[in-house]
Amino acid sequence: MPEPRFLLLSDVAAELNVSDSQVYHMVRRGELPAIKIGGRGQWRVERSALEAYIAAKYTETAEWVARNPLVEPDPED
């Protein structure tokens, strides 16, 4: 069975191992693209948008690590 194209916010939260509330705030801030569907305006995140978000976070993290190297104390000090 193919994976669904659209995910519930709770599915996204499970994928990212964060709370539903965190995902909701990511969506509301525009950090994670999502759509509202149905009469009650339920949020859905397209799987490809989630994958793009994850890839962007890997890039962002790598850039942060490069700018903030872990400096270990010199053992001879």
N, C-alpha and C. Protein backbone atom coordinates (compact mmCIF):
# COMPACT_ATOMS: atom_id res chain seq x y z
N MET A 1 0.84 -1.18 0.00
CA MET A 1 0.00 0.00 0.00
C MET A 1 0.89 1.25 0.00
N PRO A 2 0.67 2.18 -0.91
CA PRO A 2 1.52 3.38 -0.95
C PRO A 2 1.26 4.28 0.24
N GLU A 3 2.29 5.06 0.59
CA GLU A 3 2.14 6.01 1.69
C GLU A 3 1.16 7.09 1.27
N PRO A 4 0.40 7.63 2.23
CA PRO A 4 -0.54 8.70 1.87
C PRO A 4 0.21 9.97 1.45
N ARG A 5 -0.40 10.70 0.52
CA ARG A 5 0.21 11.94 0.05
C ARG A 5 0.17 13.02 1.13
N PHE A 6 -0.95 13.07 1.88
CA PHE A 6 -1.12 14.08 2.91
C PHE A 6 -1.13 13.45 4.29
N LEU A 7 -0.55 14.16 5.24
CA LEU A 7 -0.43 13.67 6.61
C LEU A 7 -1.20 14.57 7.57
N LEU A 8 -1.77 13.96 8.59
CA LEU A 8 -2.35 14.72 9.69
C LEU A 8 -1.21 15.36 10.48
N LEU A 9 -1.51 16.43 11.21
CA LEU A 9 -0.47 17.04 12.04
C LEU A 9 0.06 16.04 13.06
N SER A 10 -0.80 15.17 13.55
CA SER A 10 -0.35 14.16 14.51
C SER A 10 0.62 13.17 13.86
N ASP A 11 0.41 12.87 12.57
CA ASP A 11 1.35 12.00 11.85
C ASP A 11 2.71 12.68 11.71
N VAL A 12 2.68 13.96 11.38
CA VAL A 12 3.92 14.74 11.25
C VAL A 12 4.64 14.77 12.59
N ALA A 13 3.90 15.00 13.66
CA ALA A 13 4.49 15.03 14.99
C ALA A 13 5.17 13.70 15.30
N ALA A 14 4.53 12.60 14.96
CA ALA A 14 5.11 11.28 15.20
C ALA A 14 6.38 11.10 14.38
N GLU A 15 6.37 11.55 13.13
CA GLU A 15 7.55 11.43 12.25
C GLU A 15 8.74 12.20 12.82
N LEU A 16 8.46 13.40 13.35
CA LEU A 16 9.52 14.27 13.86
C LEU A 16 9.81 14.04 15.35
N ASN A 17 9.01 13.20 15.98
CA ASN A 17 9.15 12.91 17.41
C ASN A 17 9.04 14.19 18.25
N VAL A 18 8.01 14.98 17.93
CA VAL A 18 7.69 16.20 18.68
C VAL A 18 6.20 16.17 19.00
N SER A 19 5.72 17.16 19.74
CA SER A 19 4.31 17.18 20.09
C SER A 19 3.45 17.71 18.95
N ASP A 20 2.18 17.37 18.99
CA ASP A 20 1.22 17.90 18.02
C ASP A 20 1.21 19.42 18.06
N SER A 21 1.31 19.96 19.27
CA SER A 21 1.30 21.41 19.45
C SER A 21 2.49 22.06 18.76
N GLN A 22 3.65 21.45 18.84
CA GLN A 22 4.84 22.00 18.17
C GLN A 22 4.62 22.04 16.66
N VAL A 23 4.06 20.99 16.10
CA VAL A 23 3.80 20.96 14.66
C VAL A 23 2.78 22.03 14.28
N TYR A 24 1.74 22.17 15.08
CA TYR A 24 0.72 23.19 14.82
C TYR A 24 1.37 24.58 14.77
N HIS A 25 2.25 24.86 15.72
CA HIS A 25 2.90 26.16 15.74
C HIS A 25 3.87 26.33 14.56
N MET A 26 4.53 25.27 14.14
CA MET A 26 5.40 25.33 12.96
C MET A 26 4.58 25.70 11.72
N VAL A 27 3.40 25.11 11.62
CA VAL A 27 2.50 25.39 10.49
C VAL A 27 1.99 26.83 10.57
N ARG A 28 1.54 27.24 11.73
CA ARG A 28 0.97 28.59 11.89
C ARG A 28 2.01 29.69 11.68
N ARG A 29 3.29 29.40 11.98
CA ARG A 29 4.37 30.36 11.74
C ARG A 29 4.80 30.37 10.27
N GLY A 30 4.34 29.40 9.49
CA GLY A 30 4.74 29.31 8.10
C GLY A 30 6.06 28.58 7.89
N GLU A 31 6.57 27.97 8.95
CA GLU A 31 7.82 27.23 8.88
C GLU A 31 7.65 25.91 8.11
N LEU A 32 6.48 25.30 8.26
CA LEU A 32 6.16 24.04 7.59
C LEU A 32 4.91 24.26 6.75
N PRO A 33 5.02 24.15 5.43
CA PRO A 33 3.85 24.37 4.57
C PRO A 33 2.75 23.34 4.83
N ALA A 34 1.51 23.83 4.86
CA ALA A 34 0.36 22.96 5.08
C ALA A 34 -0.86 23.59 4.41
N ILE A 35 -1.91 22.80 4.29
CA ILE A 35 -3.17 23.29 3.76
C ILE A 35 -4.28 22.99 4.74
N LYS A 36 -5.34 23.80 4.66
CA LYS A 36 -6.54 23.54 5.46
C LYS A 36 -7.60 23.00 4.52
N ILE A 37 -8.23 21.90 4.91
CA ILE A 37 -9.25 21.29 4.06
C ILE A 37 -10.49 20.98 4.89
N GLY A 38 -11.57 20.78 4.19
CA GLY A 38 -12.81 20.37 4.84
C GLY A 38 -13.53 21.51 5.53
N GLY A 39 -14.76 21.24 5.91
CA GLY A 39 -15.60 22.24 6.55
C GLY A 39 -15.07 22.72 7.88
N ARG A 40 -14.33 21.85 8.57
CA ARG A 40 -13.78 22.24 9.88
C ARG A 40 -12.36 22.78 9.76
N GLY A 41 -11.84 22.88 8.54
CA GLY A 41 -10.51 23.44 8.32
C GLY A 41 -9.40 22.64 8.97
N GLN A 42 -9.37 21.35 8.71
CA GLN A 42 -8.33 20.51 9.29
C GLN A 42 -7.05 20.65 8.49
N TRP A 43 -5.94 20.71 9.20
CA TRP A 43 -4.63 20.89 8.57
C TRP A 43 -4.11 19.57 8.01
N ARG A 44 -3.45 19.68 6.85
CA ARG A 44 -2.77 18.54 6.23
C ARG A 44 -1.42 19.02 5.70
N VAL A 45 -0.42 18.17 5.85
CA VAL A 45 0.92 18.45 5.35
C VAL A 45 1.24 17.43 4.27
N GLU A 46 1.62 17.92 3.12
CA GLU A 46 1.99 17.01 2.04
C GLU A 46 3.32 16.33 2.39
N ARG A 47 3.38 15.03 2.16
CA ARG A 47 4.59 14.27 2.51
C ARG A 47 5.84 14.89 1.88
N SER A 48 5.74 15.32 0.63
CA SER A 48 6.91 15.92 -0.03
C SER A 48 7.33 17.22 0.66
N ALA A 49 6.38 17.98 1.20
CA ALA A 49 6.71 19.21 1.94
C ALA A 49 7.43 18.86 3.24
N LEU A 50 7.00 17.79 3.89
CA LEU A 50 7.67 17.35 5.11
C LEU A 50 9.10 16.91 4.80
N GLU A 51 9.28 16.15 3.73
CA GLU A 51 10.62 15.70 3.35
C GLU A 51 11.52 16.89 3.00
N ALA A 52 10.97 17.90 2.31
CA ALA A 52 11.74 19.11 1.98
C ALA A 52 12.10 19.86 3.25
N TYR A 53 11.17 19.93 4.21
CA TYR A 53 11.43 20.58 5.48
C TYR A 53 12.57 19.89 6.21
N ILE A 54 12.53 18.56 6.25
CA ILE A 54 13.58 17.80 6.93
C ILE A 54 14.93 18.04 6.25
N ALA A 55 14.97 18.02 4.93
CA ALA A 55 16.22 18.26 4.20
C ALA A 55 16.76 19.66 4.49
N ALA A 56 15.86 20.64 4.53
CA ALA A 56 16.28 22.02 4.83
C ALA A 56 16.85 22.11 6.25
N LYS A 57 16.25 21.38 7.19
CA LYS A 57 16.75 21.40 8.57
C LYS A 57 18.13 20.76 8.67
N TYR A 58 18.38 19.71 7.88
CA TYR A 58 19.72 19.11 7.86
C TYR A 58 20.74 20.14 7.36
N THR A 59 20.41 20.86 6.30
CA THR A 59 21.29 21.88 5.76
C THR A 59 21.51 22.99 6.77
N GLU A 60 20.42 23.46 7.36
CA GLU A 60 20.50 24.53 8.37
C GLU A 60 21.36 24.10 9.56
N THR A 61 21.21 22.87 10.00
CA THR A 61 21.98 22.36 11.13
C THR A 61 23.46 22.24 10.76
N ALA A 62 23.76 21.75 9.58
CA ALA A 62 25.15 21.62 9.14
C ALA A 62 25.82 22.99 9.07
N GLU A 63 25.10 24.00 8.58
CA GLU A 63 25.65 25.36 8.52
C GLU A 63 25.89 25.90 9.93
N TRP A 64 24.96 25.64 10.85
CA TRP A 64 25.11 26.09 12.23
C TRP A 64 26.33 25.44 12.87
N VAL A 65 26.49 24.13 12.66
CA VAL A 65 27.63 23.41 13.24
C VAL A 65 28.94 23.97 12.68
N ALA A 66 28.97 24.29 11.38
CA ALA A 66 30.18 24.84 10.78
C ALA A 66 30.53 26.21 11.38
N ARG A 67 29.51 26.99 11.71
CA ARG A 67 29.74 28.32 12.31
C ARG A 67 30.02 28.26 13.80
N ASN A 68 29.66 27.16 14.43
CA ASN A 68 29.80 27.01 15.88
C ASN A 68 30.52 25.71 16.21
N PRO A 69 31.80 25.63 15.87
CA PRO A 69 32.52 24.37 16.11
C PRO A 69 32.61 24.06 17.60
N LEU A 70 32.58 22.78 17.89
CA LEU A 70 32.74 22.32 19.27
C LEU A 70 34.21 22.42 19.59
N VAL A 71 34.53 23.25 20.54
CA VAL A 71 35.93 23.43 20.93
C VAL A 71 36.14 22.70 22.25
N GLU A 72 36.91 21.68 22.17
CA GLU A 72 37.17 20.90 23.38
C GLU A 72 38.40 21.48 24.07
N PRO A 73 38.41 21.47 25.38
CA PRO A 73 39.58 22.00 26.09
C PRO A 73 40.82 21.18 25.78
N ASP A 74 41.94 21.87 25.70
CA ASP A 74 43.21 21.20 25.46
C ASP A 74 43.55 20.36 26.69
N PRO A 75 43.78 19.05 26.52
CA PRO A 75 44.03 18.20 27.69
C PRO A 75 45.33 18.57 28.42
N GLU A 76 46.21 19.36 27.79
CA GLU A 76 47.47 19.72 28.44
C GLU A 76 47.35 21.01 29.22
N ASP A 77 46.18 21.64 29.21
CA ASP A 77 46.00 22.89 29.98
C ASP A 77 45.73 22.61 31.43
